[in-house]
Amino acid sequence: MTCINLLPWREARRKEQQRQFFTIAGAAAVLMAVTIFYIHIHIGGLIDAQNTRNNYLESETAQVDKKIEEIKAIKSEKQKLLARMNIIQELQTRRPEIVHLFDGLVRTVPAGIFLVKAKQQETAIILEGVAQSNARVSSFMRNLDQSNWYENPRLEVIKADEKGRVRTSHFTLNVTHARRDREQDAGSNP
């Protein structure tokens, strides 16, 4: 016998399909929301971790900058100390120089010349004195030129002065101090 179904089966099937569709759509929406929430939390965690790293790097950079400033200050202080040490070393090496200068000066001054003033500016020495004659000044200049400690004597001023029957010459003489090495100092005569 033939079976005829008079029930509204199409409508029941449509309702069942709609219920399944809404269930799947709801599950997909919940799954999507959970996925978005997880991604949001994960990316937020990555951002926080990166911010933590950045803060750590900034604090380390600040510490390194402080150390660099300290190093610069130490280097500056080192340069100052080295400059002082060089000055002290130069003074130590030049300490016997004045003795040689005066000794050489005494040995080069001929009889009849009296030195009144000696002034040193760097390597230039300005000598002022009184001589009995111009020839004695010339002899003094030759002696200075032949000395190991002086070079380039140059007469700046010479004035003749006559008091009574005595004739004298007042002179100003520039000479350059010849700097010698310590090895030469030990073996040379003024």
Protein backbone atom coordinates (compact mmCIF):
# COMPACT_ATOMS: atom_id res chain seq x y z
CA MET A 1 0.00 0.00 0.00
CA THR A 2 1.10 3.46 -0.67
CA CYS A 3 2.06 5.65 2.14
CA ILE A 4 1.18 9.26 1.92
CA ASN A 5 2.59 11.51 4.50
CA LEU A 6 0.27 14.35 5.21
CA LEU A 7 2.38 15.89 7.96
CA PRO A 8 4.11 19.21 7.16
CA TRP A 9 7.52 17.61 6.93
CA ARG A 10 9.07 20.34 4.83
CA GLU A 11 8.35 22.91 7.44
CA ALA A 12 9.78 20.67 10.19
CA ARG A 13 12.89 20.08 8.12
CA ARG A 14 13.28 23.83 7.51
CA LYS A 15 12.99 24.50 11.24
CA GLU A 16 15.56 21.81 11.97
CA GLN A 17 17.96 23.31 9.38
CA GLN A 18 17.45 26.78 10.84
CA ARG A 19 18.12 25.47 14.37
CA GLN A 20 21.33 23.77 13.15
CA PHE A 21 22.38 26.91 11.26
CA PHE A 22 21.88 29.12 14.33
CA THR A 23 23.70 26.61 16.53
CA ILE A 24 26.66 26.47 14.14
CA ALA A 25 26.60 30.27 13.70
CA GLY A 26 26.51 30.78 17.49
CA ALA A 27 29.34 28.28 18.01
CA ALA A 28 31.37 30.02 15.27
CA ALA A 29 30.68 33.42 16.86
CA VAL A 30 31.73 32.14 20.30
CA LEU A 31 34.83 30.50 18.78
CA MET A 32 35.64 33.74 16.92
CA ALA A 33 35.19 35.80 20.12
CA VAL A 34 37.44 33.40 22.05
CA THR A 35 40.04 33.53 19.26
CA ILE A 36 39.96 37.34 19.12
CA PHE A 37 40.17 37.53 22.92
CA TYR A 38 43.16 35.14 22.94
CA ILE A 39 44.91 37.10 20.17
CA HIS A 40 44.22 40.34 22.03
CA ILE A 41 45.65 38.91 25.28
CA HIS A 42 48.65 37.40 23.46
CA ILE A 43 49.49 40.60 21.57
CA GLY A 44 49.02 42.63 24.78
CA GLY A 45 51.47 40.28 26.52
CA LEU A 46 53.98 40.68 23.67
CA ILE A 47 53.62 44.47 23.87
CA ASP A 48 54.11 44.40 27.66
CA ALA A 49 57.17 42.16 27.28
CA GLN A 50 58.62 44.51 24.64
CA ASN A 51 57.90 47.53 26.84
CA THR A 52 59.68 45.78 29.71
CA ARG A 53 62.67 45.11 27.44
CA ASN A 54 62.65 48.72 26.23
CA ASN A 55 62.57 50.02 29.81
CA TYR A 56 65.44 47.69 30.73
CA LEU A 57 67.44 48.86 27.72
CA GLU A 58 66.74 52.52 28.55
CA SER A 59 67.88 52.03 32.15
CA GLU A 60 71.02 50.19 30.98
CA THR A 61 71.67 52.91 28.39
CA ALA A 62 71.36 55.55 31.11
CA GLN A 63 73.85 53.64 33.26
CA VAL A 64 76.24 53.27 30.32
CA ASP A 65 75.89 57.01 29.59
CA LYS A 66 76.81 57.76 33.20
CA LYS A 67 79.82 55.47 32.92
CA ILE A 68 80.82 57.16 29.65
CA GLU A 69 80.62 60.55 31.35
CA GLU A 70 82.75 59.20 34.21
CA ILE A 71 85.25 57.83 31.68
CA LYS A 72 85.37 61.20 29.91
CA ALA A 73 85.93 62.95 33.24
CA ILE A 74 88.65 60.44 34.12
CA LYS A 75 90.29 60.89 30.71
CA SER A 76 90.16 64.66 31.13
CA GLU A 77 91.70 64.34 34.59
CA LYS A 78 94.31 61.96 33.15
CA GLN A 79 95.21 64.50 30.45
CA LYS A 80 95.55 67.22 33.09
CA LEU A 81 97.73 64.98 35.24
CA LEU A 82 99.86 64.00 32.24
CA ALA A 83 100.29 67.67 31.35
CA ARG A 84 101.34 68.39 34.93
CA MET A 85 103.70 65.43 34.89
CA ASN A 86 105.23 66.66 31.62
CA ILE A 87 105.72 70.12 33.09
CA ILE A 88 107.32 68.64 36.20
CA GLN A 89 109.51 66.39 34.05
CA GLU A 90 110.54 69.35 31.92
CA LEU A 91 111.35 71.37 35.03
CA GLN A 92 113.35 68.45 36.41
CA THR A 93 115.38 68.15 33.21
CA ARG A 94 115.88 71.94 33.05
CA ARG A 95 116.82 72.30 36.70
CA PRO A 96 120.61 72.12 36.16
CA GLU A 97 120.22 74.36 33.12
CA ILE A 98 120.30 77.60 35.11
CA VAL A 99 123.56 76.55 36.72
CA HIS A 100 125.05 75.94 33.28
CA LEU A 101 123.70 79.27 32.05
CA PHE A 102 125.25 81.27 34.88
CA ASP A 103 128.47 79.28 34.74
CA GLY A 104 128.68 79.83 30.99
CA LEU A 105 127.88 83.49 31.47
CA VAL A 106 130.67 83.90 34.06
CA ARG A 107 133.12 82.15 31.76
CA THR A 108 132.24 84.32 28.76
CA VAL A 109 132.31 87.75 30.43
CA PRO A 110 135.71 89.33 29.74
CA ALA A 111 137.48 91.64 32.13
CA GLY A 112 136.19 95.19 31.95
CA ILE A 113 132.49 94.25 31.58
CA PHE A 114 130.02 94.37 34.44
CA LEU A 115 126.57 92.88 34.00
CA VAL A 116 123.80 94.85 35.65
CA LYS A 117 120.74 92.84 34.69
CA ALA A 118 119.93 89.47 33.13
CA LYS A 119 116.38 88.60 32.11
CA GLN A 120 115.17 85.37 30.49
CA GLN A 121 112.01 85.04 28.39
CA GLU A 122 111.59 81.49 27.05
CA THR A 123 114.90 80.90 25.24
CA ALA A 124 115.81 84.58 24.84
CA ILE A 125 118.12 86.17 27.39
CA ILE A 126 118.43 89.94 27.65
CA LEU A 127 121.69 91.11 29.21
CA GLU A 128 122.30 94.69 30.32
CA GLY A 129 125.67 95.88 31.47
CA VAL A 130 128.45 98.41 31.50
CA ALA A 131 131.70 97.99 29.58
CA GLN A 132 134.94 99.95 29.63
CA SER A 133 135.00 99.99 25.83
CA ASN A 134 133.09 98.88 22.76
CA ALA A 135 135.87 96.39 22.01
CA ARG A 136 135.13 94.57 25.24
CA VAL A 137 131.46 94.30 24.22
CA SER A 138 132.59 92.81 20.88
CA SER A 139 134.83 90.36 22.74
CA PHE A 140 131.89 89.43 24.99
CA MET A 141 129.69 88.78 21.94
CA ARG A 142 132.38 86.56 20.36
CA ASN A 143 132.73 84.61 23.61
CA LEU A 144 128.95 84.12 23.76
CA ASP A 145 128.85 82.93 20.16
CA GLN A 146 131.62 80.39 20.82
CA SER A 147 129.95 79.09 23.97
CA ASN A 148 127.97 75.84 23.94
CA TRP A 149 125.15 77.45 25.92
CA TYR A 150 124.50 80.61 23.95
CA GLU A 151 123.94 81.41 20.31
CA ASN A 152 123.03 84.36 18.09
CA PRO A 153 124.22 87.25 20.27
CA ARG A 154 122.70 90.49 19.01
CA LEU A 155 123.58 93.93 20.30
CA GLU A 156 120.42 96.01 20.75
CA VAL A 157 121.63 99.24 22.32
CA ILE A 158 125.02 100.68 23.17
CA LYS A 159 125.40 104.16 24.68
CA ALA A 160 128.64 105.86 25.43
CA ASP A 161 128.76 107.67 28.73
CA GLU A 162 131.60 109.82 29.97
CA LYS A 163 131.84 110.75 33.63
CA GLY A 164 134.85 112.82 34.39
CA ARG A 165 137.75 111.22 32.56
CA VAL A 166 136.26 107.71 32.56
CA ARG A 167 134.44 106.65 29.43
CA THR A 168 131.99 103.71 29.72
CA SER A 169 129.50 102.07 27.41
CA HIS A 170 126.06 100.95 28.57
CA PHE A 171 124.77 98.10 26.43
CA THR A 172 121.78 95.83 26.00
CA LEU A 173 122.48 92.47 24.39
CA ASN A 174 120.05 89.75 23.30
CA VAL A 175 121.26 86.17 23.12
CA THR A 176 119.45 82.88 22.60
CA HIS A 177 119.84 80.04 25.03
CA ALA A 178 120.97 76.95 23.14
CA ARG A 179 119.16 73.98 24.67
CA ARG A 180 121.24 70.85 24.86
CA ASP A 181 120.30 67.24 25.47
CA ARG A 182 121.28 65.65 28.77
CA GLU A 183 123.86 63.44 27.04
CA GLN A 184 125.52 66.55 25.57
CA ASP A 185 125.28 68.32 28.94
CA ALA A 186 127.32 65.64 30.64
CA GLY A 187 130.11 65.70 28.07
CA SER A 188 130.29 69.37 27.03
CA ASN A 189 132.18 72.28 28.50
CA PRO A 190 130.51 75.69 28.73
